[in-house]
Amino acid sequence: MRLTAAAGLCLLVVGCVQIGPPSTPAAETTASPSGATTASAPRISPPPVTPPTPPGINLPAFACADSGGGKTGVANVTAVRLAEQPDFDRFVLQFDGPVPTYTVKRQDKPTFPLGASGQTISLSGTAGALVRVHSSTETNTYSGSTDISHPEFLVLKEARVTEDFEGYVAWGLGLDHPVCMRTFTLANPSRLVVDFTIATS
């Protein structure tokens, strides 16, 4: 009799454990190589990344020839800069107005006339280029050096004023060796840019 009652009580306890709604399932698990289980986070794809538009402008190609351009008018030189880039050396004339008419002529030697004086000067290097602008002056608007030397540059070794008279401004450029060049203008501020490629022409 006692054995039968005990068996009935045991069945009642087991039935109580089974009574009620099923428990909420745990998060989805994944077995690890060691046998342990870890919860797997839901995968969320990142939004696509749009690459930024590269800055700059479309530059002309280098050419082994003289060049010219600009606009008819008067503008004064306010700054002169030389810069070294990985593939070229750069000469820049900055103006207080639109870039006036200009010519850039290559030379076999870095020897230049000093205005109309009949005298000549020789700059560093074995070749040259003459940058001449009309109508312009820099006497009262440019206070920087009129003879800029950069012996560490691969091409553009020296830049020097060779003329500032009767509306003409000219800079002679001494080059390490003959090279091709490109010229173009920029605005805000107005600049005449002359690049000399590192490659031998």
N, C-alpha and C. Protein backbone atom coordinates (compact mmCIF):
# COMPACT_ATOMS: atom_id res chain seq x y z
N MET A 1 0.84 -1.20 0.00
CA MET A 1 0.00 0.00 0.00
C MET A 1 0.86 1.23 0.00
N ARG A 2 1.90 1.27 0.89
CA ARG A 2 2.79 2.43 0.93
C ARG A 2 3.60 2.53 -0.36
N LEU A 3 3.97 1.40 -0.93
CA LEU A 3 4.73 1.42 -2.19
C LEU A 3 3.90 2.00 -3.32
N THR A 4 2.62 1.65 -3.35
CA THR A 4 1.73 2.17 -4.40
C THR A 4 1.53 3.66 -4.24
N ALA A 5 1.39 4.15 -3.01
CA ALA A 5 1.21 5.59 -2.78
C ALA A 5 2.45 6.36 -3.18
N ALA A 6 3.61 5.81 -2.88
CA ALA A 6 4.85 6.50 -3.24
C ALA A 6 5.00 6.60 -4.74
N ALA A 7 4.63 5.52 -5.43
CA ALA A 7 4.74 5.55 -6.89
C ALA A 7 3.80 6.58 -7.48
N GLY A 8 2.61 6.70 -6.92
CA GLY A 8 1.66 7.70 -7.40
C GLY A 8 2.14 9.11 -7.16
N LEU A 9 2.76 9.34 -6.01
CA LEU A 9 3.31 10.68 -5.72
C LEU A 9 4.40 11.04 -6.68
N CYS A 10 5.25 10.08 -7.02
CA CYS A 10 6.35 10.33 -7.96
C CYS A 10 5.81 10.72 -9.32
N LEU A 11 4.76 10.03 -9.78
CA LEU A 11 4.17 10.38 -11.07
C LEU A 11 3.57 11.77 -11.05
N LEU A 12 2.98 12.14 -9.87
CA LEU A 12 2.38 13.46 -9.74
C LEU A 12 3.43 14.55 -9.85
N VAL A 13 4.59 14.33 -9.19
CA VAL A 13 5.69 15.33 -9.25
C VAL A 13 6.19 15.48 -10.66
N VAL A 14 6.39 14.34 -11.35
CA VAL A 14 6.86 14.41 -12.74
C VAL A 14 5.86 15.15 -13.61
N GLY A 15 4.57 14.90 -13.36
CA GLY A 15 3.55 15.60 -14.13
C GLY A 15 3.53 17.07 -13.87
N CYS A 16 3.83 17.54 -12.66
CA CYS A 16 3.88 18.96 -12.34
C CYS A 16 4.98 19.66 -13.09
N VAL A 17 6.07 18.95 -13.23
CA VAL A 17 7.18 19.56 -13.97
C VAL A 17 6.79 19.78 -15.42
N GLN A 18 5.98 18.91 -15.99
CA GLN A 18 5.59 19.01 -17.37
C GLN A 18 4.46 20.00 -17.59
N ILE A 19 3.73 20.38 -16.50
CA ILE A 19 2.57 21.25 -16.65
C ILE A 19 3.02 22.68 -16.94
N GLY A 20 2.26 23.43 -17.71
CA GLY A 20 2.54 24.83 -18.02
C GLY A 20 3.05 24.99 -19.43
N PRO A 21 3.15 26.26 -19.91
CA PRO A 21 3.59 26.49 -21.30
C PRO A 21 5.05 26.13 -21.45
N PRO A 22 5.44 25.70 -22.61
CA PRO A 22 6.87 25.37 -22.83
C PRO A 22 7.73 26.59 -22.63
N SER A 23 8.91 26.36 -22.12
CA SER A 23 9.83 27.48 -21.87
C SER A 23 10.25 28.12 -23.17
N THR A 24 10.59 29.43 -23.08
CA THR A 24 11.01 30.18 -24.27
C THR A 24 12.36 29.67 -24.71
N PRO A 25 12.54 29.34 -25.98
CA PRO A 25 13.83 28.81 -26.43
C PRO A 25 14.92 29.86 -26.33
N ALA A 26 16.12 29.41 -26.01
CA ALA A 26 17.27 30.33 -25.94
C ALA A 26 17.65 30.77 -27.33
N ALA A 27 18.50 31.78 -27.36
CA ALA A 27 18.97 32.26 -28.66
C ALA A 27 19.65 31.13 -29.40
N GLU A 28 19.61 31.24 -30.74
CA GLU A 28 20.20 30.20 -31.57
C GLU A 28 21.67 30.05 -31.23
N THR A 29 22.08 28.82 -31.05
CA THR A 29 23.47 28.57 -30.65
C THR A 29 24.19 27.81 -31.73
N THR A 30 25.49 27.96 -31.70
CA THR A 30 26.35 27.28 -32.66
C THR A 30 27.45 26.58 -31.90
N ALA A 31 27.70 25.37 -32.26
CA ALA A 31 28.74 24.62 -31.55
C ALA A 31 30.10 25.06 -32.03
N SER A 32 30.99 25.29 -31.05
CA SER A 32 32.36 25.66 -31.38
C SER A 32 33.18 24.40 -31.54
N PRO A 33 34.38 24.51 -32.12
CA PRO A 33 35.20 23.32 -32.30
C PRO A 33 35.47 22.59 -30.99
N SER A 34 35.49 23.27 -29.84
CA SER A 34 35.78 22.64 -28.56
C SER A 34 34.59 21.94 -27.97
N GLY A 35 33.44 22.08 -28.62
CA GLY A 35 32.24 21.43 -28.11
C GLY A 35 31.34 22.38 -27.37
N ALA A 36 31.82 23.61 -27.01
CA ALA A 36 30.99 24.57 -26.32
C ALA A 36 30.05 25.23 -27.30
N THR A 37 29.01 25.83 -26.81
CA THR A 37 28.04 26.50 -27.68
C THR A 37 28.12 28.00 -27.46
N THR A 38 28.03 28.77 -28.54
CA THR A 38 28.09 30.23 -28.47
C THR A 38 26.93 30.80 -29.24
N ALA A 39 26.43 31.94 -28.80
CA ALA A 39 25.30 32.57 -29.48
C ALA A 39 25.80 33.25 -30.74
N SER A 40 25.09 33.10 -31.85
CA SER A 40 25.50 33.74 -33.11
C SER A 40 24.69 35.01 -33.29
N ALA A 41 25.41 36.15 -33.48
CA ALA A 41 24.72 37.43 -33.68
C ALA A 41 24.17 37.50 -35.08
N PRO A 42 23.05 38.16 -35.28
CA PRO A 42 22.50 38.30 -36.64
C PRO A 42 23.43 39.13 -37.51
N ARG A 43 23.58 38.75 -38.78
CA ARG A 43 24.45 39.45 -39.71
C ARG A 43 23.77 40.68 -40.27
N ILE A 44 24.47 41.83 -40.22
CA ILE A 44 23.94 43.08 -40.77
C ILE A 44 24.93 43.57 -41.81
N SER A 45 24.52 43.69 -43.05
CA SER A 45 25.40 44.15 -44.12
C SER A 45 25.61 45.65 -44.01
N PRO A 46 26.89 46.12 -44.06
CA PRO A 46 27.14 47.57 -44.00
C PRO A 46 26.67 48.25 -45.27
N PRO A 47 26.30 49.52 -45.18
CA PRO A 47 25.85 50.23 -46.39
C PRO A 47 27.01 50.40 -47.36
N PRO A 48 26.76 50.43 -48.66
CA PRO A 48 27.84 50.61 -49.64
C PRO A 48 28.52 51.96 -49.47
N VAL A 49 29.84 51.97 -49.69
CA VAL A 49 30.63 53.19 -49.55
C VAL A 49 30.91 53.77 -50.92
N THR A 50 30.56 55.02 -51.13
CA THR A 50 30.82 55.70 -52.39
C THR A 50 32.15 56.44 -52.29
N PRO A 51 33.14 56.10 -53.12
CA PRO A 51 34.44 56.78 -53.03
C PRO A 51 34.30 58.25 -53.38
N PRO A 52 35.07 59.11 -52.68
CA PRO A 52 34.98 60.54 -52.98
C PRO A 52 35.53 60.87 -54.36
N THR A 53 35.03 61.92 -54.94
CA THR A 53 35.54 62.37 -56.23
C THR A 53 36.93 62.96 -56.03
N PRO A 54 37.94 62.47 -56.78
CA PRO A 54 39.29 63.00 -56.58
C PRO A 54 39.35 64.48 -56.91
N PRO A 55 40.09 65.26 -56.09
CA PRO A 55 40.19 66.69 -56.37
C PRO A 55 41.10 66.97 -57.55
N GLY A 56 41.14 68.23 -57.98
CA GLY A 56 42.06 68.62 -59.05
C GLY A 56 41.33 68.98 -60.33
N ILE A 57 42.12 69.29 -61.33
CA ILE A 57 41.58 69.67 -62.63
C ILE A 57 42.25 68.81 -63.69
N ASN A 58 41.70 68.86 -64.89
CA ASN A 58 42.31 68.15 -66.00
C ASN A 58 43.47 68.97 -66.54
N LEU A 59 44.68 68.49 -66.33
CA LEU A 59 45.87 69.22 -66.74
C LEU A 59 46.24 68.86 -68.17
N PRO A 60 46.82 69.82 -68.89
CA PRO A 60 47.27 69.51 -70.25
C PRO A 60 48.45 68.55 -70.20
N ALA A 61 48.71 67.93 -71.33
CA ALA A 61 49.83 67.00 -71.43
C ALA A 61 51.14 67.77 -71.53
N PHE A 62 52.21 67.13 -71.12
CA PHE A 62 53.53 67.72 -71.31
C PHE A 62 53.88 67.73 -72.80
N ALA A 63 54.52 68.81 -73.24
CA ALA A 63 54.90 68.94 -74.64
C ALA A 63 56.31 69.51 -74.72
N CYS A 64 57.06 69.02 -75.67
CA CYS A 64 58.42 69.52 -75.88
C CYS A 64 58.37 70.66 -76.89
N ALA A 65 57.68 71.74 -76.51
CA ALA A 65 57.47 72.88 -77.41
C ALA A 65 57.18 74.12 -76.59
N ASP A 66 57.35 75.28 -77.21
CA ASP A 66 57.03 76.54 -76.56
C ASP A 66 55.51 76.66 -76.41
N SER A 67 55.08 77.58 -75.55
CA SER A 67 53.64 77.75 -75.33
C SER A 67 53.32 79.21 -75.05
N GLY A 68 52.03 79.53 -75.06
CA GLY A 68 51.58 80.89 -74.77
C GLY A 68 50.10 80.91 -74.51
N GLY A 69 49.61 82.06 -74.03
CA GLY A 69 48.19 82.18 -73.73
C GLY A 69 47.92 83.44 -72.94
N GLY A 70 46.93 83.38 -72.04
CA GLY A 70 46.56 84.54 -71.23
C GLY A 70 45.54 85.42 -71.91
N LYS A 71 45.20 86.52 -71.23
CA LYS A 71 44.21 87.47 -71.73
C LYS A 71 44.82 88.86 -71.85
N THR A 72 44.40 89.59 -72.86
CA THR A 72 44.87 90.96 -73.03
C THR A 72 44.38 91.81 -71.86
N GLY A 73 45.29 92.49 -71.23
CA GLY A 73 44.95 93.30 -70.07
C GLY A 73 46.17 93.54 -69.21
N VAL A 74 45.94 94.17 -68.06
CA VAL A 74 47.04 94.51 -67.15
C VAL A 74 46.81 93.81 -65.82
N ALA A 75 47.83 93.15 -65.33
CA ALA A 75 47.79 92.51 -64.01
C ALA A 75 49.19 92.50 -63.45
N ASN A 76 49.32 92.76 -62.16
CA ASN A 76 50.63 92.84 -61.54
C ASN A 76 50.99 91.56 -60.80
N VAL A 77 52.28 91.23 -60.81
CA VAL A 77 52.77 90.05 -60.09
C VAL A 77 52.74 90.32 -58.59
N THR A 78 52.14 89.39 -57.83
CA THR A 78 52.07 89.55 -56.37
C THR A 78 52.84 88.47 -55.63
N ALA A 79 53.13 87.35 -56.28
CA ALA A 79 53.87 86.27 -55.61
C ALA A 79 54.54 85.40 -56.67
N VAL A 80 55.67 84.79 -56.27
CA VAL A 80 56.42 83.88 -57.14
C VAL A 80 56.77 82.66 -56.29
N ARG A 81 56.50 81.47 -56.83
CA ARG A 81 56.78 80.25 -56.06
C ARG A 81 57.41 79.18 -56.94
N LEU A 82 58.28 78.39 -56.33
CA LEU A 82 58.84 77.20 -56.94
C LEU A 82 58.46 76.02 -56.04
N ALA A 83 58.16 74.88 -56.66
CA ALA A 83 57.76 73.71 -55.87
C ALA A 83 58.29 72.45 -56.54
N GLU A 84 58.56 71.46 -55.70
CA GLU A 84 59.03 70.16 -56.18
C GLU A 84 57.95 69.11 -55.94
N GLN A 85 57.54 68.41 -57.00
CA GLN A 85 56.54 67.35 -56.93
C GLN A 85 57.20 66.03 -57.33
N PRO A 86 56.54 64.88 -57.05
CA PRO A 86 57.17 63.60 -57.38
C PRO A 86 57.54 63.45 -58.85
N ASP A 87 56.73 63.99 -59.79
CA ASP A 87 56.96 63.78 -61.22
C ASP A 87 57.34 65.04 -61.97
N PHE A 88 57.36 66.19 -61.32
CA PHE A 88 57.68 67.43 -62.02
C PHE A 88 58.09 68.50 -61.01
N ASP A 89 58.76 69.54 -61.54
CA ASP A 89 59.05 70.75 -60.78
C ASP A 89 58.15 71.86 -61.32
N ARG A 90 57.76 72.79 -60.43
CA ARG A 90 56.74 73.79 -60.79
C ARG A 90 57.22 75.20 -60.52
N PHE A 91 56.89 76.10 -61.47
CA PHE A 91 57.12 77.54 -61.34
C PHE A 91 55.77 78.24 -61.44
N VAL A 92 55.50 79.18 -60.50
CA VAL A 92 54.20 79.84 -60.45
C VAL A 92 54.38 81.34 -60.33
N LEU A 93 53.67 82.08 -61.19
CA LEU A 93 53.52 83.54 -61.05
C LEU A 93 52.07 83.81 -60.66
N GLN A 94 51.89 84.59 -59.58
CA GLN A 94 50.54 84.94 -59.13
C GLN A 94 50.29 86.41 -59.41
N PHE A 95 49.03 86.74 -59.80
CA PHE A 95 48.69 88.09 -60.23
C PHE A 95 47.50 88.63 -59.43
N ASP A 96 47.35 89.96 -59.47
CA ASP A 96 46.22 90.60 -58.80
C ASP A 96 45.03 90.77 -59.73
N GLY A 97 45.07 90.17 -60.89
CA GLY A 97 43.99 90.19 -61.87
C GLY A 97 44.14 89.01 -62.79
N PRO A 98 43.28 88.90 -63.82
CA PRO A 98 43.41 87.79 -64.77
C PRO A 98 44.81 87.71 -65.36
N VAL A 99 45.29 86.48 -65.57
CA VAL A 99 46.64 86.28 -66.10
C VAL A 99 46.75 86.97 -67.46
N PRO A 100 47.68 87.92 -67.60
CA PRO A 100 47.81 88.61 -68.89
C PRO A 100 48.49 87.72 -69.93
N THR A 101 48.63 88.27 -71.13
CA THR A 101 49.25 87.53 -72.22
C THR A 101 50.66 87.08 -71.83
N TYR A 102 50.98 85.83 -72.13
CA TYR A 102 52.29 85.29 -71.74
C TYR A 102 52.84 84.38 -72.82
N THR A 103 54.16 84.19 -72.78
CA THR A 103 54.85 83.19 -73.59
C THR A 103 55.85 82.47 -72.70
N VAL A 104 56.05 81.19 -72.98
CA VAL A 104 57.07 80.39 -72.29
C VAL A 104 57.89 79.71 -73.37
N LYS A 105 59.17 80.09 -73.47
CA LYS A 105 60.03 79.58 -74.54
C LYS A 105 61.20 78.80 -73.95
N ARG A 106 61.42 77.62 -74.51
CA ARG A 106 62.53 76.77 -74.10
C ARG A 106 63.83 77.25 -74.73
N GLN A 107 64.93 77.02 -74.01
CA GLN A 107 66.25 77.42 -74.50
C GLN A 107 67.25 76.29 -74.31
N ASP A 108 68.22 76.24 -75.22
CA ASP A 108 69.27 75.22 -75.12
C ASP A 108 70.23 75.52 -73.98
N LYS A 109 70.35 76.80 -73.62
CA LYS A 109 71.28 77.21 -72.56
C LYS A 109 70.54 78.07 -71.53
N PRO A 110 71.00 78.07 -70.27
CA PRO A 110 70.36 78.91 -69.25
C PRO A 110 70.93 80.33 -69.22
N THR A 111 71.09 80.92 -70.40
CA THR A 111 71.64 82.27 -70.53
C THR A 111 70.53 83.19 -71.04
N PHE A 112 70.35 84.35 -70.36
CA PHE A 112 69.21 85.22 -70.65
C PHE A 112 69.66 86.68 -70.75
N PRO A 113 69.02 87.47 -71.65
CA PRO A 113 69.31 88.90 -71.72
C PRO A 113 68.66 89.63 -70.55
N LEU A 114 69.31 90.65 -70.04
CA LEU A 114 68.75 91.47 -68.97
C LEU A 114 68.03 92.65 -69.59
N GLY A 115 66.74 92.45 -69.91
CA GLY A 115 65.96 93.51 -70.52
C GLY A 115 66.57 93.97 -71.82
N ALA A 116 66.61 95.30 -71.99
CA ALA A 116 67.18 95.88 -73.20
C ALA A 116 68.59 96.39 -72.97
N SER A 117 69.22 95.98 -71.87
CA SER A 117 70.54 96.50 -71.53
C SER A 117 71.65 95.94 -72.40
N GLY A 118 71.40 94.80 -73.03
CA GLY A 118 72.45 94.16 -73.82
C GLY A 118 73.29 93.21 -72.99
N GLN A 119 73.17 93.25 -71.68
CA GLN A 119 73.91 92.33 -70.83
C GLN A 119 73.16 90.99 -70.73
N THR A 120 73.89 89.96 -70.35
CA THR A 120 73.28 88.64 -70.18
C THR A 120 73.71 88.05 -68.83
N ILE A 121 72.90 87.12 -68.34
CA ILE A 121 73.24 86.38 -67.13
C ILE A 121 73.08 84.89 -67.41
N SER A 122 73.83 84.08 -66.69
CA SER A 122 73.73 82.63 -66.81
C SER A 122 73.25 82.07 -65.47
N LEU A 123 72.25 81.22 -65.52
CA LEU A 123 71.69 80.61 -64.33
C LEU A 123 72.19 79.17 -64.17
N SER A 124 71.84 78.56 -63.07
CA SER A 124 72.25 77.19 -62.80
C SER A 124 71.62 76.23 -63.80
N GLY A 125 72.33 75.16 -64.14
CA GLY A 125 71.81 74.16 -65.06
C GLY A 125 72.49 74.19 -66.41
N THR A 126 71.94 73.37 -67.31
CA THR A 126 72.49 73.29 -68.67
C THR A 126 71.48 73.71 -69.74
N ALA A 127 70.21 73.94 -69.34
CA ALA A 127 69.16 74.37 -70.27
C ALA A 127 68.31 75.43 -69.57
N GLY A 128 67.37 75.98 -70.32
CA GLY A 128 66.58 77.06 -69.71
C GLY A 128 65.21 77.22 -70.33
N ALA A 129 64.42 78.12 -69.72
CA ALA A 129 63.11 78.52 -70.24
C ALA A 129 62.88 79.97 -69.83
N LEU A 130 62.30 80.76 -70.73
CA LEU A 130 62.02 82.16 -70.46
C LEU A 130 60.52 82.38 -70.39
N VAL A 131 60.04 82.86 -69.24
CA VAL A 131 58.62 83.17 -69.04
C VAL A 131 58.47 84.68 -69.14
N ARG A 132 57.66 85.15 -70.11
CA ARG A 132 57.52 86.59 -70.35
C ARG A 132 56.03 86.96 -70.37
N VAL A 133 55.68 88.03 -69.63
CA VAL A 133 54.28 88.43 -69.47
C VAL A 133 54.11 89.89 -69.88
N HIS A 134 52.95 90.18 -70.54
CA HIS A 134 52.63 91.54 -70.97
C HIS A 134 51.11 91.72 -70.95
N SER A 135 50.55 92.75 -70.37
CA SER A 135 51.19 93.88 -69.70
C SER A 135 51.19 93.62 -68.19
N SER A 136 52.34 93.88 -67.60
CA SER A 136 52.46 93.59 -66.18
C SER A 136 53.66 94.32 -65.61
N THR A 137 53.69 94.39 -64.29
CA THR A 137 54.84 94.86 -63.54
C THR A 137 54.83 94.18 -62.19
N GLU A 138 55.94 94.25 -61.48
CA GLU A 138 55.98 93.70 -60.13
C GLU A 138 56.76 94.61 -59.18
N THR A 139 57.11 95.78 -59.68
CA THR A 139 57.94 96.70 -58.89
C THR A 139 57.29 97.06 -57.56
N ASN A 140 56.00 97.36 -57.57
CA ASN A 140 55.32 97.82 -56.35
C ASN A 140 54.41 96.77 -55.71
N THR A 141 54.31 95.59 -56.34
CA THR A 141 53.36 94.59 -55.82
C THR A 141 54.03 93.30 -55.35
N TYR A 142 55.29 93.08 -55.70
CA TYR A 142 56.00 91.87 -55.30
C TYR A 142 57.24 92.25 -54.50
N SER A 143 57.31 91.74 -53.26
CA SER A 143 58.42 92.10 -52.38
C SER A 143 59.34 90.92 -52.07
N GLY A 144 59.11 89.80 -52.75
CA GLY A 144 59.93 88.60 -52.50
C GLY A 144 61.25 88.63 -53.25
N SER A 145 61.97 87.54 -53.17
CA SER A 145 63.27 87.42 -53.82
C SER A 145 63.11 87.45 -55.34
N THR A 146 64.05 88.09 -56.01
CA THR A 146 64.06 88.11 -57.47
C THR A 146 65.09 87.14 -58.03
N ASP A 147 65.71 86.35 -57.17
CA ASP A 147 66.64 85.30 -57.59
C ASP A 147 66.46 84.12 -56.62
N ILE A 148 65.72 83.12 -57.07
CA ILE A 148 65.36 81.98 -56.20
C ILE A 148 66.12 80.75 -56.68
N SER A 149 66.89 80.16 -55.79
CA SER A 149 67.72 79.01 -56.14
C SER A 149 67.28 77.77 -55.36
N HIS A 150 67.18 76.65 -56.08
CA HIS A 150 66.85 75.36 -55.46
C HIS A 150 67.75 74.28 -56.06
N PRO A 151 68.98 74.20 -55.65
CA PRO A 151 69.90 73.20 -56.22
C PRO A 151 69.48 71.77 -55.94
N GLU A 152 68.62 71.56 -54.92
CA GLU A 152 68.18 70.20 -54.60
C GLU A 152 67.08 69.69 -55.53
N PHE A 153 66.44 70.58 -56.29
CA PHE A 153 65.40 70.15 -57.23
C PHE A 153 66.05 69.35 -58.37
N LEU A 154 65.31 68.40 -58.93
CA LEU A 154 65.85 67.57 -60.00
C LEU A 154 65.93 68.31 -61.33
N VAL A 155 65.03 69.27 -61.58
CA VAL A 155 65.01 69.96 -62.88
C VAL A 155 65.16 71.47 -62.71
N LEU A 156 64.24 72.10 -61.99
CA LEU A 156 64.20 73.56 -61.89
C LEU A 156 65.20 74.04 -60.83
N LYS A 157 66.35 74.48 -61.27
CA LYS A 157 67.44 74.81 -60.35
C LYS A 157 67.42 76.26 -59.87
N GLU A 158 66.97 77.19 -60.75
CA GLU A 158 67.04 78.61 -60.39
C GLU A 158 66.00 79.40 -61.19
N ALA A 159 65.45 80.45 -60.56
CA ALA A 159 64.53 81.37 -61.24
C ALA A 159 64.96 82.79 -60.88
N ARG A 160 65.04 83.64 -61.91
CA ARG A 160 65.52 85.01 -61.68
C ARG A 160 64.81 85.98 -62.61
N VAL A 161 64.48 87.16 -62.07
CA VAL A 161 63.89 88.21 -62.90
C VAL A 161 64.93 88.69 -63.91
N THR A 162 64.52 88.73 -65.17
CA THR A 162 65.42 89.25 -66.20
C THR A 162 64.89 90.54 -66.83
N GLU A 163 63.62 90.87 -66.51
CA GLU A 163 63.05 92.09 -67.09
C GLU A 163 61.84 92.53 -66.28
N ASP A 164 61.72 93.82 -66.03
CA ASP A 164 60.53 94.46 -65.47
C ASP A 164 60.54 95.90 -65.96
N PHE A 165 60.08 96.07 -67.22
CA PHE A 165 60.25 97.37 -67.87
C PHE A 165 59.18 97.54 -68.95
N GLU A 166 58.55 98.73 -68.96
CA GLU A 166 57.58 99.12 -69.98
C GLU A 166 56.49 98.07 -70.20
N GLY A 167 55.97 97.54 -69.10
CA GLY A 167 54.84 96.61 -69.20
C GLY A 167 55.22 95.16 -69.40
N TYR A 168 56.52 94.86 -69.45
CA TYR A 168 56.96 93.48 -69.62
C TYR A 168 57.65 92.98 -68.35
N VAL A 169 57.26 91.79 -67.91
CA VAL A 169 57.93 91.10 -66.81
C VAL A 169 58.42 89.76 -67.35
N ALA A 170 59.69 89.45 -67.10
CA ALA A 170 60.24 88.19 -67.57
C ALA A 170 61.04 87.52 -66.46
N TRP A 171 60.91 86.21 -66.38
CA TRP A 171 61.69 85.38 -65.45
C TRP A 171 62.44 84.33 -66.25
N GLY A 172 63.74 84.27 -66.03
CA GLY A 172 64.54 83.21 -66.62
C GLY A 172 64.59 82.03 -65.67
N LEU A 173 64.47 80.83 -66.23
CA LEU A 173 64.49 79.61 -65.43
C LEU A 173 65.65 78.74 -65.85
N GLY A 174 66.52 78.40 -64.91
CA GLY A 174 67.64 77.51 -65.18
C GLY A 174 67.25 76.07 -64.90
N LEU A 175 67.41 75.21 -65.91
CA LEU A 175 67.01 73.82 -65.80
C LEU A 175 68.24 72.91 -65.80
N ASP A 176 68.15 71.83 -65.06
CA ASP A 176 69.26 70.88 -64.98
C ASP A 176 69.56 70.25 -66.33
N HIS A 177 68.52 69.97 -67.12
CA HIS A 177 68.67 69.36 -68.44
C HIS A 177 67.42 69.69 -69.26
N PRO A 178 67.48 69.54 -70.58
CA PRO A 178 66.30 69.84 -71.40
C PRO A 178 65.15 68.89 -71.06
N VAL A 179 63.96 69.43 -70.86
CA VAL A 179 62.78 68.62 -70.53
C VAL A 179 61.55 69.19 -71.23
N CYS A 180 60.49 68.38 -71.26
CA CYS A 180 59.20 68.86 -71.77
C CYS A 180 58.46 69.61 -70.66
N MET A 181 57.47 70.41 -71.02
CA MET A 181 56.79 71.24 -70.04
C MET A 181 55.31 71.35 -70.38
N ARG A 182 54.55 71.85 -69.44
CA ARG A 182 53.15 72.18 -69.67
C ARG A 182 52.85 73.49 -68.96
N THR A 183 51.99 74.30 -69.57
CA THR A 183 51.61 75.58 -68.97
C THR A 183 50.08 75.66 -68.91
N PHE A 184 49.57 76.29 -67.87
CA PHE A 184 48.13 76.49 -67.73
C PHE A 184 47.91 77.60 -66.71
N THR A 185 46.69 78.09 -66.64
CA THR A 185 46.35 79.16 -65.71
C THR A 185 45.30 78.67 -64.72
N LEU A 186 45.28 79.27 -63.55
CA LEU A 186 44.30 78.98 -62.51
C LEU A 186 43.71 80.29 -62.01
N ALA A 187 42.51 80.21 -61.45
CA ALA A 187 41.83 81.41 -60.93
C ALA A 187 41.67 81.31 -59.42
N ASN A 188 41.43 82.48 -58.82
CA ASN A 188 41.13 82.58 -57.37
C ASN A 188 42.20 81.95 -56.48
N PRO A 189 43.38 82.50 -56.42
CA PRO A 189 43.86 83.68 -57.15
C PRO A 189 44.37 83.32 -58.55
N SER A 190 44.56 84.36 -59.36
CA SER A 190 45.03 84.16 -60.73
C SER A 190 46.49 83.75 -60.72
N ARG A 191 46.78 82.64 -61.41
CA ARG A 191 48.15 82.13 -61.44
C ARG A 191 48.50 81.60 -62.83
N LEU A 192 49.74 81.81 -63.21
CA LEU A 192 50.34 81.15 -64.37
C LEU A 192 51.25 80.06 -63.83
N VAL A 193 51.01 78.82 -64.29
CA VAL A 193 51.75 77.66 -63.78
C VAL A 193 52.54 77.04 -64.92
N VAL A 194 53.82 76.78 -64.67
CA VAL A 194 54.68 76.10 -65.64
C VAL A 194 55.29 74.89 -64.94
N ASP A 195 54.98 73.69 -65.45
CA ASP A 195 55.52 72.45 -64.90
C ASP A 195 56.57 71.88 -65.83
N PHE A 196 57.64 71.35 -65.24
CA PHE A 196 58.71 70.72 -66.00
C PHE A 196 58.79 69.25 -65.57
N THR A 197 58.57 68.35 -66.53
CA THR A 197 58.58 66.93 -66.20
C THR A 197 59.98 66.49 -65.79
N ILE A 198 60.02 65.49 -64.91
CA ILE A 198 61.30 64.95 -64.48
C ILE A 198 61.97 64.15 -65.59
N ALA A 199 61.17 63.54 -66.45
CA ALA A 199 61.71 62.72 -67.54
C ALA A 199 62.50 63.57 -68.52
N THR A 200 63.54 63.00 -69.08
CA THR A 200 64.36 63.70 -70.05
C THR A 200 63.62 63.80 -71.38
N SER A 201 63.67 64.97 -72.00
CA SER A 201 62.98 65.15 -73.29
C SER A 201 63.75 64.49 -74.42
